[in-house]
Protein backbone atom coordinates (compact mmCIF):
# COMPACT_ATOMS: atom_id res chain seq x y z
CA MET A 1 50.39 -0.36 35.56
CA VAL A 2 48.67 2.59 33.87
CA TRP A 3 49.11 2.57 30.12
CA PHE A 4 47.51 5.93 29.37
CA LYS A 5 45.97 8.89 31.06
CA ARG A 6 43.08 10.95 29.71
CA GLU A 7 43.90 14.62 29.96
CA LYS A 8 40.51 15.91 28.71
CA GLU A 9 36.99 14.82 29.47
CA GLY A 10 34.85 13.57 26.61
CA ILE A 11 35.68 12.24 23.17
CA THR A 12 34.95 15.34 21.15
CA THR A 13 35.81 18.94 21.88
CA SER A 14 33.06 20.52 19.76
CA THR A 15 29.39 19.77 19.17
CA LYS A 16 30.00 20.56 15.49
CA GLU A 17 32.06 17.37 15.22
CA LYS A 18 29.17 15.16 16.33
CA LYS A 19 27.46 13.40 13.42
CA GLU A 20 23.79 12.38 13.69
CA THR A 21 22.41 9.40 11.81
CA PRO A 22 19.92 10.69 9.22
CA GLU A 23 16.26 9.97 9.97
CA GLY A 24 15.02 6.95 8.02
CA PHE A 25 18.54 5.57 7.52
CA TRP A 26 17.69 2.28 9.27
CA TYR A 27 14.83 -0.19 8.83
CA GLN A 28 13.74 -2.64 11.55
CA CYS A 29 11.59 -5.60 10.52
CA PRO A 30 8.40 -5.54 12.63
CA LYS A 31 8.28 -9.35 12.63
CA CYS A 32 11.81 -10.58 13.41
CA LYS A 33 13.33 -7.22 14.51
CA THR A 34 16.29 -7.54 12.14
CA VAL A 35 17.86 -4.13 11.45
CA VAL A 36 19.25 -3.19 8.03
CA THR A 37 19.80 0.06 6.21
CA ALA A 38 16.81 1.52 4.39
CA ASP A 39 18.76 1.29 1.13
CA ASP A 40 19.38 -2.44 1.62
CA HIS A 41 15.71 -2.94 2.44
CA ALA A 42 14.69 -1.13 -0.75
CA ALA A 43 17.18 -3.17 -2.78
CA SER A 44 15.47 -6.29 -1.43
CA SER A 45 12.11 -5.03 -2.80
CA TYR A 46 11.09 -4.13 0.77
CA VAL A 47 11.19 -7.78 1.86
CA CYS A 48 13.04 -8.77 5.04
CA SER A 49 16.16 -10.74 4.12
CA SER A 50 15.92 -12.73 7.38
CA CYS A 51 12.26 -13.77 7.69
CA THR A 52 10.81 -12.69 4.27
CA PHE A 53 8.27 -10.37 5.89
CA HIS A 54 6.75 -8.20 3.14
CA SER A 55 6.45 -4.55 4.15
CA ARG A 56 3.42 -2.64 2.92
CA VAL A 57 4.54 -0.31 0.15
CA GLY A 58 2.80 2.02 -2.27
CA SER A 59 2.42 2.44 -6.01
CA LYS A 60 5.80 4.14 -6.48
CA GLU A 61 7.62 1.15 -4.99
CA TYR A 62 5.62 -1.39 -7.03
CA PHE A 63 6.25 0.55 -10.23
CA ASP A 64 9.97 0.55 -9.43
CA VAL A 65 9.94 -3.19 -8.73
CA LEU A 66 7.89 -4.29 -11.76
CA PHE A 67 8.60 -1.93 -14.65
CA ASP A 68 11.87 -2.38 -16.53
CA GLU A 69 14.47 0.02 -15.08
CA GLY A 70 11.65 1.66 -13.11
CA LYS A 71 10.57 3.53 -16.26
CA PHE A 72 6.88 4.16 -16.86
CA THR A 73 4.40 6.70 -18.14
CA GLU A 74 1.59 7.63 -15.77
CA PHE A 75 -1.83 8.54 -17.14
CA ALA A 76 -5.17 9.78 -15.77
CA GLU A 77 -3.09 11.16 -12.89
CA ASN A 78 -5.14 14.28 -12.24
CA LEU A 79 -8.53 12.69 -11.49
CA THR A 80 -9.78 13.67 -8.02
CA SER A 81 -12.87 12.89 -5.97
CA ALA A 82 -15.94 15.09 -6.05
CA ASP A 83 -18.47 15.17 -3.21
CA PRO A 84 -21.89 14.68 -4.84
CA LEU A 85 -23.41 13.39 -1.59
CA GLU A 86 -21.99 16.27 0.50
CA PHE A 87 -20.98 13.63 3.02
CA THR A 88 -19.86 14.46 6.55
CA ASP A 89 -18.83 12.11 9.35
CA THR A 90 -16.14 13.26 11.79
CA LYS A 91 -15.19 15.79 9.11
CA ASN A 92 -16.37 17.05 5.75
CA TYR A 93 -15.47 14.61 2.93
CA LYS A 94 -14.00 17.38 0.79
CA ASP A 95 -11.75 18.42 3.66
CA ARG A 96 -10.73 14.80 4.28
CA VAL A 97 -9.74 14.33 0.65
CA LYS A 98 -7.78 17.62 0.59
CA ALA A 99 -5.94 16.72 3.80
CA THR A 100 -5.09 13.25 2.52
CA MET A 101 -3.84 14.64 -0.78
CA ALA A 102 -1.61 17.11 1.06
CA GLY A 103 -0.26 14.48 3.45
CA SER A 104 0.30 11.68 0.94
CA GLY A 105 1.18 13.57 -2.22
CA LEU A 106 -1.39 11.40 -4.05
CA LYS A 107 -4.55 12.41 -5.89
CA ASP A 108 -6.49 9.27 -4.95
CA ALA A 109 -6.05 5.68 -3.79
CA ILE A 110 -4.81 4.31 -7.13
CA ARG A 111 -2.27 5.25 -9.79
CA THR A 112 -2.19 3.98 -13.37
CA ALA A 113 0.83 3.70 -15.65
CA HIS A 114 2.14 1.82 -18.65
CA GLY A 115 5.62 0.60 -19.44
CA LYS A 116 7.41 -2.67 -20.07
CA ILE A 117 7.94 -5.82 -18.01
CA HIS A 118 10.85 -7.85 -19.36
CA GLY A 119 10.49 -6.00 -22.63
CA GLN A 120 6.78 -6.66 -22.95
CA PRO A 121 4.25 -3.80 -22.87
CA ALA A 122 1.96 -3.77 -19.85
CA VAL A 123 -0.43 -1.50 -17.99
CA ILE A 124 -0.40 -1.45 -14.18
CA ALA A 125 -3.05 0.02 -11.89
CA CYS A 126 -1.70 0.04 -8.33
CA MET A 127 -3.49 1.02 -5.13
CA ASP A 128 -2.08 3.07 -2.27
CA PHE A 129 -3.33 2.08 1.20
CA GLY A 130 -2.11 5.41 2.55
CA PHE A 131 -4.95 7.23 0.78
CA ILE A 132 -8.04 6.64 2.97
CA GLY A 133 -7.17 2.96 3.39
CA GLY A 134 -6.92 2.31 -0.35
CA SER A 135 -10.69 2.64 -0.46
CA MET A 136 -12.61 2.22 -3.71
CA GLY A 137 -14.49 5.31 -4.81
CA SER A 138 -15.59 6.76 -8.13
CA VAL A 139 -12.07 7.82 -9.08
CA MET A 140 -10.71 4.32 -8.55
CA GLY A 141 -13.45 2.83 -10.71
CA GLU A 142 -12.82 5.37 -13.47
CA LYS A 143 -9.04 4.90 -13.40
CA ILE A 144 -9.36 1.11 -13.59
CA ALA A 145 -11.72 1.56 -16.54
CA ARG A 146 -9.19 3.84 -18.22
CA ALA A 147 -6.40 1.37 -17.47
CA ALA A 148 -8.38 -1.35 -19.27
CA ASP A 149 -8.95 1.06 -22.18
CA LYS A 150 -5.21 1.82 -22.29
CA ALA A 151 -4.40 -1.92 -22.34
CA MET A 152 -6.79 -2.35 -25.28
CA GLU A 153 -5.25 0.65 -27.02
CA LEU A 154 -1.73 -0.76 -26.57
CA ASN A 155 -2.89 -4.35 -27.18
CA CYS A 156 -1.22 -5.53 -23.98
CA GLY A 157 -1.93 -7.07 -20.60
CA LEU A 158 -3.38 -5.35 -17.53
CA ILE A 159 -2.14 -5.87 -13.98
CA ILE A 160 -4.13 -4.51 -11.03
CA ILE A 161 -2.31 -4.49 -7.69
CA SER A 162 -4.90 -4.51 -4.91
CA LYS A 163 -4.27 -3.11 -1.44
CA SER A 164 -7.56 -1.92 -0.03
CA GLY A 165 -9.88 -1.82 2.95
CA GLY A 166 -12.87 -1.98 0.59
CA ALA A 167 -15.52 0.45 -0.65
CA ARG A 168 -15.28 4.12 0.32
CA MET A 169 -18.21 4.67 2.67
CA MET A 170 -18.17 8.44 2.08
CA GLU A 171 -19.38 7.81 -1.48
CA ALA A 172 -22.01 5.25 -0.43
CA GLY A 173 -23.84 3.72 -3.40
CA LEU A 174 -21.57 5.49 -5.89
CA SER A 175 -18.68 3.47 -4.51
CA LEU A 176 -20.57 0.18 -4.79
CA MET A 177 -21.40 0.96 -8.42
CA GLN A 178 -17.68 0.71 -9.20
CA MET A 179 -17.84 -3.05 -8.61
CA ALA A 180 -20.11 -3.45 -11.64
CA LYS A 181 -18.30 -0.82 -13.69
CA THR A 182 -14.87 -2.38 -13.31
CA SER A 183 -16.18 -5.91 -13.85
CA ALA A 184 -17.88 -4.83 -17.09
CA LYS A 185 -14.71 -3.15 -18.34
CA LEU A 186 -12.69 -6.31 -17.60
CA THR A 187 -15.20 -8.25 -19.69
CA GLN A 188 -14.37 -5.98 -22.62
CA LEU A 189 -10.67 -6.71 -22.05
CA SER A 190 -11.41 -10.43 -22.04
CA GLU A 191 -13.35 -10.17 -25.29
CA LYS A 192 -10.22 -8.68 -26.86
CA LYS A 193 -8.35 -11.75 -25.58
CA LEU A 194 -5.96 -9.62 -23.57
CA PRO A 195 -4.65 -10.95 -20.23
CA TYR A 196 -5.63 -9.55 -16.85
CA ILE A 197 -3.46 -10.47 -13.86
CA SER A 198 -4.88 -9.64 -10.43
CA TYR A 199 -2.05 -9.14 -7.94
CA LEU A 200 -3.32 -9.27 -4.35
CA THR A 201 -1.34 -7.79 -1.46
CA ASP A 202 -1.91 -7.13 2.23
CA PRO A 203 -4.75 -6.30 2.77
CA THR A 204 -7.25 -6.99 -0.02
CA THR A 205 -10.75 -6.83 1.43
CA GLY A 206 -14.34 -5.67 0.97
CA GLY A 207 -15.84 -4.65 -2.34
CA VAL A 208 -12.46 -4.85 -4.08
CA THR A 209 -12.25 -8.57 -3.26
CA ALA A 210 -15.89 -9.01 -4.25
CA SER A 211 -15.26 -7.61 -7.73
CA PHE A 212 -12.18 -7.09 -9.88
CA ALA A 213 -9.60 -8.50 -7.46
CA MET A 214 -10.92 -12.04 -7.96
CA LEU A 215 -11.62 -11.81 -11.69
CA GLY A 216 -8.11 -12.23 -13.05
CA ASP A 217 -7.11 -14.68 -15.73
CA LEU A 218 -4.48 -15.25 -13.08
CA ASN A 219 -5.00 -14.38 -9.41
CA VAL A 220 -1.63 -14.11 -7.67
CA ALA A 221 -0.63 -12.92 -4.20
CA GLU A 222 2.23 -12.16 -1.87
CA PRO A 223 2.90 -14.42 1.15
CA GLU A 224 0.77 -13.99 4.30
CA ALA A 225 -1.43 -11.30 2.76
CA LEU A 226 -4.87 -10.75 4.30
CA ILE A 227 -7.43 -11.57 1.59
CA GLY A 228 -11.15 -11.70 2.24
CA PHE A 229 -14.44 -9.84 2.18
CA ALA A 230 -15.23 -9.07 5.82
CA GLY A 231 -12.45 -9.11 8.42
CA PRO A 232 -11.82 -12.22 10.57
CA ARG A 233 -13.37 -10.61 13.67
CA VAL A 234 -16.62 -9.82 11.84
CA VAL A 235 -16.77 -13.31 10.32
CA LYS A 236 -16.20 -14.93 13.70
CA GLU A 237 -18.93 -12.85 15.34
CA THR A 238 -21.33 -13.59 12.49
CA ILE A 239 -20.95 -17.38 12.38
CA GLY A 240 -20.38 -17.72 16.13
CA ARG A 241 -17.44 -20.12 15.95
CA ASP A 242 -13.66 -20.12 15.98
CA LEU A 243 -11.92 -19.70 12.64
CA PRO A 244 -9.34 -22.12 11.19
CA ASP A 245 -5.65 -21.37 11.62
CA GLY A 246 -4.40 -18.97 8.99
CA PHE A 247 -7.93 -18.01 7.96
CA GLN A 248 -7.96 -15.42 5.13
CA THR A 249 -4.21 -15.50 4.58
CA SER A 250 -3.09 -15.88 0.98
CA GLU A 251 -1.90 -19.42 1.83
CA PHE A 252 -5.40 -20.33 3.08
CA VAL A 253 -7.01 -18.78 0.00
CA LEU A 254 -4.61 -20.66 -2.31
CA GLU A 255 -5.40 -23.96 -0.56
CA HIS A 256 -9.11 -23.39 -1.18
CA GLY A 257 -8.68 -22.73 -4.89
CA PHE A 258 -9.07 -18.95 -5.18
CA LEU A 259 -5.45 -18.19 -6.14
CA ASP A 260 -3.20 -19.52 -8.89
CA TYR A 261 0.06 -18.98 -7.05
CA ILE A 262 1.84 -17.10 -4.26
CA SER A 263 5.19 -15.48 -4.93
CA ASP A 264 7.81 -13.59 -3.01
CA ARG A 265 7.77 -9.97 -4.20
CA ARG A 266 11.40 -10.28 -5.25
CA GLU A 267 10.41 -12.96 -7.78
CA MET A 268 7.05 -11.53 -8.84
CA LYS A 269 8.35 -9.53 -11.80
CA ASP A 270 9.89 -12.66 -13.35
CA LYS A 271 6.73 -14.68 -12.79
CA ILE A 272 4.45 -11.99 -14.19
CA GLY A 273 6.80 -11.60 -17.16
CA GLN A 274 6.64 -15.34 -17.82
CA SER A 275 2.85 -15.28 -17.52
CA LEU A 276 2.54 -12.42 -20.01
CA LYS A 277 4.74 -14.30 -22.49
CA PHE A 278 2.46 -17.31 -22.12
CA PHE A 279 -0.65 -15.24 -22.85
CA TYR A 280 0.89 -13.37 -25.76
CA LYS A 281 1.87 -16.54 -27.63
């Protein structure tokens, strides 16, 4: 028995009635393939609700997650890289910086801001991997120095969120000098008895790891973050042997005594807030 008969072909009669899903509306976890809306993913601090995979995010997202009500005041925001070495590889360094600035909307690989975390004043310097791999150049060193100065001015703690491929090769020795510069500035912060929390994310490598990233009064990290100096492939080729399971993950680094704790990003604000209260007492 036929219950109905379609008189017209197709569901809609006009292309104007067809609604497209906006680009970026959905997020698919690259690890477990769970699909959620982008808004739900952001509400979960960009952590997968199914497998807890932590997406790589930039300074804007970390500021929103950590500062109370996402409110902060950025400073030293207009510093940009010069080209004293007139460096050229596949392209001129000046052109590379200009192109990256235009594509990312950032001035360099780190942003600095101050605000409050659970009502307590704090300064955060956060790296952006999207700007030449979060590489450390002269601007990064200067902005970290100014962040330490701002923390001393406000008499509050400093948090540096590392996400970097290491030193910026296009600045050669000038980049490596930032390791000493930032370490010296953190010593001044320590002499003022102000806390420095180093927050390591995926990846934290190279000269960043070999300097300020491992100098925190507390060194904390997100789960399964890559933390090390040289990459696992380079280490394996150098020592000529297989590496242990989980080598250079934050869990491995914690087990060997280089971290104080690992925390889910969704809980990190509370833990950092508690830590700051401990230091301020």
